[in-house]
Amino acid sequence: MKRSPIKHRKTKRKPKARKQFKEFKALWLRSTCWLCERRLAVDPHHIVNRKGDAWDDPRNLTALCRSCHDRIEGDQIDITGRRLRQWTNEDVERAKQRWDPGNYDPAYLNYLRNWEKNYRDTGRMEYQE
């Protein structure tokens, strides 16, 4: 069976966004997971779902282990059969604030969540600090 080319298409990021994403990965990946603090972080996670290059900003990224990244997507069952609760956005933002306070900006995260409203109001996509 032939594989679909859509699944394997790389994400097209502009050079600035690619550089920011790469710097975040170099700084935080292979450190401790920000949520469980037990495993190595191997996945960068976007706090607000990615819709373009503005979402690759370090203020919107967290470093998580594969297990915690899966728990954000839904409940998970551990090896003893116990159901683990799903991580919420509040848990992820609290971890961001604790581990990376220099890049924690709740106003920026709110802008990313409501960028369409801001665009209608101002006519610009840029974040006004």
N, C-alpha and C. Protein backbone atom coordinates (compact mmCIF):
# COMPACT_ATOMS: atom_id res chain seq x y z
N MET A 1 0.84 -1.18 0.00
CA MET A 1 0.00 0.00 0.00
C MET A 1 0.89 1.25 0.00
N LYS A 2 0.57 2.18 -0.84
CA LYS A 2 1.34 3.42 -0.95
C LYS A 2 0.99 4.36 0.19
N ARG A 3 2.01 4.97 0.76
CA ARG A 3 1.78 5.92 1.85
C ARG A 3 1.36 7.27 1.32
N SER A 4 0.56 7.94 2.12
CA SER A 4 0.09 9.27 1.75
C SER A 4 1.22 10.29 1.93
N PRO A 5 1.47 11.15 0.97
CA PRO A 5 2.52 12.16 1.13
C PRO A 5 2.13 13.25 2.13
N ILE A 6 0.87 13.37 2.43
CA ILE A 6 0.42 14.41 3.36
C ILE A 6 0.94 14.14 4.76
N LYS A 7 0.94 12.89 5.20
CA LYS A 7 1.35 12.56 6.55
C LYS A 7 2.82 12.85 6.81
N HIS A 8 3.64 12.78 5.78
CA HIS A 8 5.07 12.91 5.97
C HIS A 8 5.63 14.25 5.51
N ARG A 9 4.75 15.18 5.23
CA ARG A 9 5.18 16.50 4.81
C ARG A 9 5.70 17.26 6.02
N LYS A 10 6.86 17.84 5.90
CA LYS A 10 7.44 18.60 7.00
C LYS A 10 6.69 19.91 7.18
N THR A 11 6.65 20.39 8.43
CA THR A 11 6.04 21.67 8.72
C THR A 11 6.90 22.78 8.13
N LYS A 12 6.29 23.69 7.42
CA LYS A 12 7.03 24.79 6.83
C LYS A 12 7.06 25.94 7.82
N ARG A 13 8.25 26.18 8.36
CA ARG A 13 8.43 27.29 9.28
C ARG A 13 9.38 28.29 8.64
N LYS A 14 9.15 29.55 8.91
CA LYS A 14 10.06 30.58 8.43
C LYS A 14 11.36 30.48 9.22
N PRO A 15 12.46 31.02 8.69
CA PRO A 15 13.76 30.88 9.36
C PRO A 15 13.77 31.38 10.82
N LYS A 16 13.11 32.49 11.10
CA LYS A 16 13.10 33.02 12.47
C LYS A 16 12.38 32.05 13.41
N ALA A 17 11.23 31.54 12.98
CA ALA A 17 10.47 30.59 13.81
C ALA A 17 11.24 29.30 13.97
N ARG A 18 11.90 28.84 12.91
CA ARG A 18 12.70 27.61 12.98
C ARG A 18 13.84 27.79 13.98
N LYS A 19 14.47 28.97 13.97
CA LYS A 19 15.58 29.25 14.88
C LYS A 19 15.09 29.28 16.33
N GLN A 20 13.95 29.93 16.59
CA GLN A 20 13.40 29.98 17.95
C GLN A 20 13.06 28.58 18.45
N PHE A 21 12.45 27.78 17.60
CA PHE A 21 12.06 26.43 17.97
C PHE A 21 13.30 25.58 18.26
N LYS A 22 14.32 25.72 17.41
CA LYS A 22 15.55 24.96 17.59
C LYS A 22 16.27 25.37 18.88
N GLU A 23 16.31 26.66 19.18
CA GLU A 23 16.95 27.14 20.42
C GLU A 23 16.22 26.62 21.65
N PHE A 24 14.89 26.61 21.60
CA PHE A 24 14.12 26.08 22.73
C PHE A 24 14.45 24.61 22.95
N LYS A 25 14.47 23.85 21.86
CA LYS A 25 14.77 22.42 21.96
C LYS A 25 16.17 22.20 22.52
N ALA A 26 17.15 22.97 22.07
CA ALA A 26 18.52 22.82 22.54
C ALA A 26 18.63 23.15 24.03
N LEU A 27 17.86 24.12 24.48
CA LEU A 27 17.93 24.55 25.88
C LEU A 27 17.21 23.60 26.83
N TRP A 28 16.02 23.13 26.45
CA TRP A 28 15.18 22.43 27.41
C TRP A 28 15.03 20.93 27.20
N LEU A 29 15.15 20.45 25.98
CA LEU A 29 14.96 19.02 25.79
C LEU A 29 16.15 18.26 26.37
N ARG A 30 15.90 17.11 26.87
CA ARG A 30 16.83 16.26 27.62
C ARG A 30 17.03 16.78 29.04
N SER A 31 16.16 17.69 29.47
CA SER A 31 16.12 18.09 30.88
C SER A 31 14.94 17.35 31.50
N THR A 32 14.57 17.69 32.70
CA THR A 32 13.45 17.03 33.37
C THR A 32 12.13 17.53 32.80
N CYS A 33 11.15 16.61 32.69
CA CYS A 33 9.81 16.97 32.23
C CYS A 33 9.22 18.01 33.18
N TRP A 34 8.59 19.03 32.64
CA TRP A 34 8.07 20.12 33.45
C TRP A 34 6.83 19.73 34.26
N LEU A 35 6.12 18.68 33.86
CA LEU A 35 4.91 18.31 34.57
C LEU A 35 5.14 17.21 35.61
N CYS A 36 5.72 16.08 35.20
CA CYS A 36 5.87 14.97 36.15
C CYS A 36 7.19 15.04 36.91
N GLU A 37 8.18 15.72 36.37
CA GLU A 37 9.50 15.89 36.98
C GLU A 37 10.20 14.56 37.26
N ARG A 38 9.87 13.51 36.48
CA ARG A 38 10.50 12.21 36.68
C ARG A 38 11.28 11.75 35.47
N ARG A 39 10.84 12.09 34.29
CA ARG A 39 11.46 11.58 33.06
C ARG A 39 12.14 12.70 32.30
N LEU A 40 12.90 12.29 31.28
CA LEU A 40 13.54 13.28 30.42
C LEU A 40 12.51 13.88 29.46
N ALA A 41 12.60 15.17 29.26
CA ALA A 41 11.71 15.86 28.32
C ALA A 41 12.21 15.59 26.90
N VAL A 42 11.34 15.07 26.06
CA VAL A 42 11.71 14.79 24.68
C VAL A 42 10.79 15.48 23.68
N ASP A 43 9.68 16.03 24.13
CA ASP A 43 8.70 16.66 23.24
C ASP A 43 8.50 18.13 23.60
N PRO A 44 8.71 19.04 22.63
CA PRO A 44 8.26 20.41 22.87
C PRO A 44 6.75 20.43 22.64
N HIS A 45 6.03 21.09 23.51
CA HIS A 45 4.56 21.14 23.40
C HIS A 45 4.13 22.60 23.32
N HIS A 46 3.22 22.89 22.39
CA HIS A 46 2.65 24.23 22.26
C HIS A 46 1.51 24.36 23.26
N ILE A 47 1.55 25.34 24.13
CA ILE A 47 0.49 25.56 25.11
C ILE A 47 -0.81 25.87 24.37
N VAL A 48 -0.74 26.81 23.43
CA VAL A 48 -1.88 27.11 22.56
C VAL A 48 -1.57 26.44 21.23
N ASN A 49 -2.51 25.67 20.69
CA ASN A 49 -2.27 24.90 19.48
C ASN A 49 -1.68 25.74 18.37
N ARG A 50 -0.73 25.17 17.65
CA ARG A 50 0.02 25.87 16.61
C ARG A 50 -0.86 26.15 15.40
N LYS A 51 -0.83 27.41 14.94
CA LYS A 51 -1.55 27.80 13.73
C LYS A 51 -0.67 28.60 12.78
N GLY A 52 0.60 28.78 13.12
CA GLY A 52 1.50 29.56 12.28
C GLY A 52 2.80 29.80 13.01
N ASP A 53 3.66 30.62 12.44
CA ASP A 53 4.98 30.85 13.01
C ASP A 53 4.94 31.58 14.35
N ALA A 54 3.93 32.42 14.59
CA ALA A 54 3.85 33.14 15.86
C ALA A 54 3.70 32.17 17.03
N TRP A 55 3.17 31.00 16.78
CA TRP A 55 2.94 30.02 17.84
C TRP A 55 4.22 29.28 18.23
N ASP A 56 5.30 29.42 17.46
CA ASP A 56 6.58 28.78 17.77
C ASP A 56 7.44 29.64 18.69
N ASP A 57 6.90 30.70 19.20
CA ASP A 57 7.60 31.57 20.12
C ASP A 57 7.89 30.81 21.42
N PRO A 58 9.04 31.01 22.05
CA PRO A 58 9.35 30.32 23.31
C PRO A 58 8.33 30.56 24.43
N ARG A 59 7.58 31.65 24.32
CA ARG A 59 6.55 31.92 25.34
C ARG A 59 5.39 30.95 25.24
N ASN A 60 5.29 30.21 24.13
CA ASN A 60 4.20 29.27 23.93
C ASN A 60 4.67 27.81 23.97
N LEU A 61 5.90 27.56 24.36
CA LEU A 61 6.44 26.20 24.33
C LEU A 61 6.75 25.68 25.73
N THR A 62 6.53 24.39 25.91
CA THR A 62 6.92 23.70 27.15
C THR A 62 7.69 22.44 26.78
N ALA A 63 8.47 21.92 27.73
CA ALA A 63 9.25 20.70 27.51
C ALA A 63 8.64 19.57 28.32
N LEU A 64 8.14 18.54 27.63
CA LEU A 64 7.44 17.45 28.29
C LEU A 64 8.00 16.09 27.87
N CYS A 65 7.78 15.10 28.73
CA CYS A 65 8.10 13.73 28.35
C CYS A 65 6.96 13.20 27.48
N ARG A 66 7.19 12.10 26.82
CA ARG A 66 6.19 11.54 25.91
C ARG A 66 4.90 11.18 26.66
N SER A 67 5.05 10.64 27.87
CA SER A 67 3.89 10.23 28.66
C SER A 67 3.00 11.42 29.03
N CYS A 68 3.61 12.50 29.50
CA CYS A 68 2.83 13.69 29.87
C CYS A 68 2.22 14.35 28.63
N HIS A 69 2.93 14.30 27.50
CA HIS A 69 2.38 14.86 26.28
C HIS A 69 1.13 14.09 25.88
N ASP A 70 1.15 12.77 26.05
CA ASP A 70 -0.03 11.96 25.77
C ASP A 70 -1.16 12.25 26.75
N ARG A 71 -0.80 12.54 28.00
CA ARG A 71 -1.82 12.84 29.01
C ARG A 71 -2.52 14.16 28.75
N ILE A 72 -1.89 15.07 28.05
CA ILE A 72 -2.55 16.32 27.67
C ILE A 72 -3.64 16.02 26.66
N GLU A 73 -3.37 15.08 25.77
CA GLU A 73 -4.33 14.72 24.73
C GLU A 73 -5.52 13.94 25.28
N GLY A 74 -5.34 13.22 26.38
CA GLY A 74 -6.43 12.45 26.95
C GLY A 74 -5.97 11.65 28.16
N ASP A 75 -6.90 10.97 28.83
CA ASP A 75 -6.55 10.16 29.99
C ASP A 75 -5.60 9.05 29.58
N GLN A 76 -4.84 8.58 30.56
CA GLN A 76 -3.87 7.53 30.29
C GLN A 76 -3.94 6.51 31.42
N ILE A 77 -3.63 5.26 31.11
CA ILE A 77 -3.63 4.20 32.11
C ILE A 77 -2.18 3.79 32.35
N ASP A 78 -1.75 3.76 33.63
CA ASP A 78 -0.38 3.37 33.91
C ASP A 78 -0.24 1.84 33.95
N ILE A 79 0.94 1.34 34.27
CA ILE A 79 1.18 -0.10 34.18
C ILE A 79 0.43 -0.90 35.24
N THR A 80 -0.03 -0.26 36.30
CA THR A 80 -0.80 -0.96 37.32
C THR A 80 -2.29 -0.99 36.99
N GLY A 81 -2.68 -0.36 35.89
CA GLY A 81 -4.08 -0.33 35.49
C GLY A 81 -4.85 0.85 36.04
N ARG A 82 -4.15 1.72 36.75
CA ARG A 82 -4.78 2.90 37.33
C ARG A 82 -4.94 3.99 36.26
N ARG A 83 -6.08 4.64 36.24
CA ARG A 83 -6.33 5.72 35.28
C ARG A 83 -5.73 7.02 35.81
N LEU A 84 -4.90 7.66 34.99
CA LEU A 84 -4.28 8.93 35.36
C LEU A 84 -5.11 10.06 34.78
N ARG A 85 -5.26 11.13 35.54
CA ARG A 85 -6.09 12.23 35.07
C ARG A 85 -5.37 12.99 33.96
N GLN A 86 -6.17 13.62 33.12
CA GLN A 86 -5.65 14.40 32.01
C GLN A 86 -5.05 15.70 32.54
N TRP A 87 -3.89 16.11 31.98
CA TRP A 87 -3.32 17.40 32.34
C TRP A 87 -4.16 18.50 31.70
N THR A 88 -4.42 19.56 32.45
CA THR A 88 -5.21 20.68 31.94
C THR A 88 -4.30 21.81 31.47
N ASN A 89 -4.87 22.78 30.79
CA ASN A 89 -4.09 23.95 30.36
C ASN A 89 -3.54 24.71 31.56
N GLU A 90 -4.28 24.73 32.66
CA GLU A 90 -3.80 25.41 33.87
C GLU A 90 -2.56 24.72 34.42
N ASP A 91 -2.54 23.36 34.39
CA ASP A 91 -1.36 22.62 34.85
C ASP A 91 -0.15 22.96 33.98
N VAL A 92 -0.36 23.02 32.70
CA VAL A 92 0.75 23.29 31.77
C VAL A 92 1.26 24.72 31.96
N GLU A 93 0.35 25.67 32.11
CA GLU A 93 0.78 27.06 32.32
C GLU A 93 1.49 27.24 33.66
N ARG A 94 1.03 26.55 34.69
CA ARG A 94 1.70 26.60 35.99
C ARG A 94 3.12 26.05 35.88
N ALA A 95 3.29 24.96 35.13
CA ALA A 95 4.63 24.39 34.92
C ALA A 95 5.51 25.36 34.14
N LYS A 96 4.95 26.03 33.14
CA LYS A 96 5.70 27.02 32.36
C LYS A 96 6.17 28.15 33.27
N GLN A 97 5.29 28.62 34.12
CA GLN A 97 5.62 29.71 35.03
C GLN A 97 6.71 29.29 36.01
N ARG A 98 6.68 28.05 36.45
CA ARG A 98 7.67 27.56 37.42
C ARG A 98 9.04 27.32 36.78
N TRP A 99 9.06 26.67 35.60
CA TRP A 99 10.32 26.26 35.00
C TRP A 99 10.95 27.33 34.11
N ASP A 100 10.16 28.16 33.49
CA ASP A 100 10.68 29.15 32.56
C ASP A 100 10.02 30.51 32.80
N PRO A 101 10.23 31.09 33.99
CA PRO A 101 9.53 32.33 34.32
C PRO A 101 9.89 33.51 33.41
N GLY A 102 11.08 33.50 32.82
CA GLY A 102 11.48 34.58 31.93
C GLY A 102 10.67 34.62 30.64
N ASN A 103 10.16 33.48 30.24
CA ASN A 103 9.36 33.40 29.00
C ASN A 103 7.89 33.18 29.28
N TYR A 104 7.47 33.31 30.52
CA TYR A 104 6.05 33.14 30.83
C TYR A 104 5.35 34.48 30.68
N ASP A 105 4.42 34.54 29.74
CA ASP A 105 3.69 35.78 29.46
C ASP A 105 2.21 35.44 29.23
N PRO A 106 1.38 35.51 30.28
CA PRO A 106 -0.03 35.15 30.12
C PRO A 106 -0.77 36.04 29.11
N ALA A 107 -0.34 37.28 28.96
CA ALA A 107 -1.00 38.16 27.98
C ALA A 107 -0.73 37.67 26.56
N TYR A 108 0.48 37.18 26.31
CA TYR A 108 0.81 36.65 24.98
C TYR A 108 0.01 35.38 24.69
N LEU A 109 -0.14 34.50 25.69
CA LEU A 109 -0.93 33.29 25.50
C LEU A 109 -2.39 33.64 25.23
N ASN A 110 -2.90 34.65 25.93
CA ASN A 110 -4.26 35.11 25.70
C ASN A 110 -4.41 35.69 24.28
N TYR A 111 -3.38 36.41 23.82
CA TYR A 111 -3.39 36.93 22.45
C TYR A 111 -3.47 35.78 21.44
N LEU A 112 -2.67 34.72 21.66
CA LEU A 112 -2.69 33.59 20.73
C LEU A 112 -4.05 32.89 20.71
N ARG A 113 -4.68 32.83 21.88
CA ARG A 113 -6.00 32.19 21.95
C ARG A 113 -7.06 33.01 21.23
N ASN A 114 -6.91 34.35 21.24
CA ASN A 114 -7.92 35.25 20.68
C ASN A 114 -7.36 36.13 19.57
N TRP A 115 -6.45 35.60 18.76
CA TRP A 115 -5.79 36.43 17.75
C TRP A 115 -6.79 36.95 16.71
N GLU A 116 -7.84 36.18 16.43
CA GLU A 116 -8.80 36.63 15.42
C GLU A 116 -9.54 37.88 15.87
N LYS A 117 -9.92 37.93 17.14
CA LYS A 117 -10.59 39.11 17.69
C LYS A 117 -9.65 40.32 17.63
N ASN A 118 -8.38 40.11 18.01
CA ASN A 118 -7.40 41.19 17.96
C ASN A 118 -7.20 41.69 16.53
N TYR A 119 -7.19 40.76 15.58
CA TYR A 119 -7.02 41.14 14.17
C TYR A 119 -8.20 41.97 13.68
N ARG A 120 -9.41 41.59 14.09
CA ARG A 120 -10.60 42.37 13.71
C ARG A 120 -10.56 43.77 14.32
N ASP A 121 -10.10 43.86 15.57
CA ASP A 121 -10.07 45.15 16.27
C ASP A 121 -9.00 46.09 15.74
N THR A 122 -7.78 45.55 15.51
CA THR A 122 -6.65 46.41 15.16
C THR A 122 -6.26 46.36 13.69
N GLY A 123 -6.61 45.27 13.01
CA GLY A 123 -6.21 45.12 11.62
C GLY A 123 -4.78 44.63 11.45
N ARG A 124 -4.14 44.25 12.58
CA ARG A 124 -2.76 43.77 12.53
C ARG A 124 -2.66 42.42 13.24
N MET A 125 -1.69 41.61 12.78
CA MET A 125 -1.44 40.31 13.40
C MET A 125 -0.43 40.41 14.54
N GLU A 126 0.35 41.48 14.61
CA GLU A 126 1.44 41.59 15.57
C GLU A 126 0.90 41.70 16.99
N TYR A 127 1.64 41.13 17.91
CA TYR A 127 1.33 41.23 19.33
C TYR A 127 1.83 42.55 19.86
N GLN A 128 0.98 43.32 20.48
CA GLN A 128 1.36 44.62 21.03
C GLN A 128 1.69 44.46 22.50
N GLU A 129 2.97 44.56 22.85
CA GLU A 129 3.39 44.37 24.25
C GLU A 129 3.13 45.60 25.07
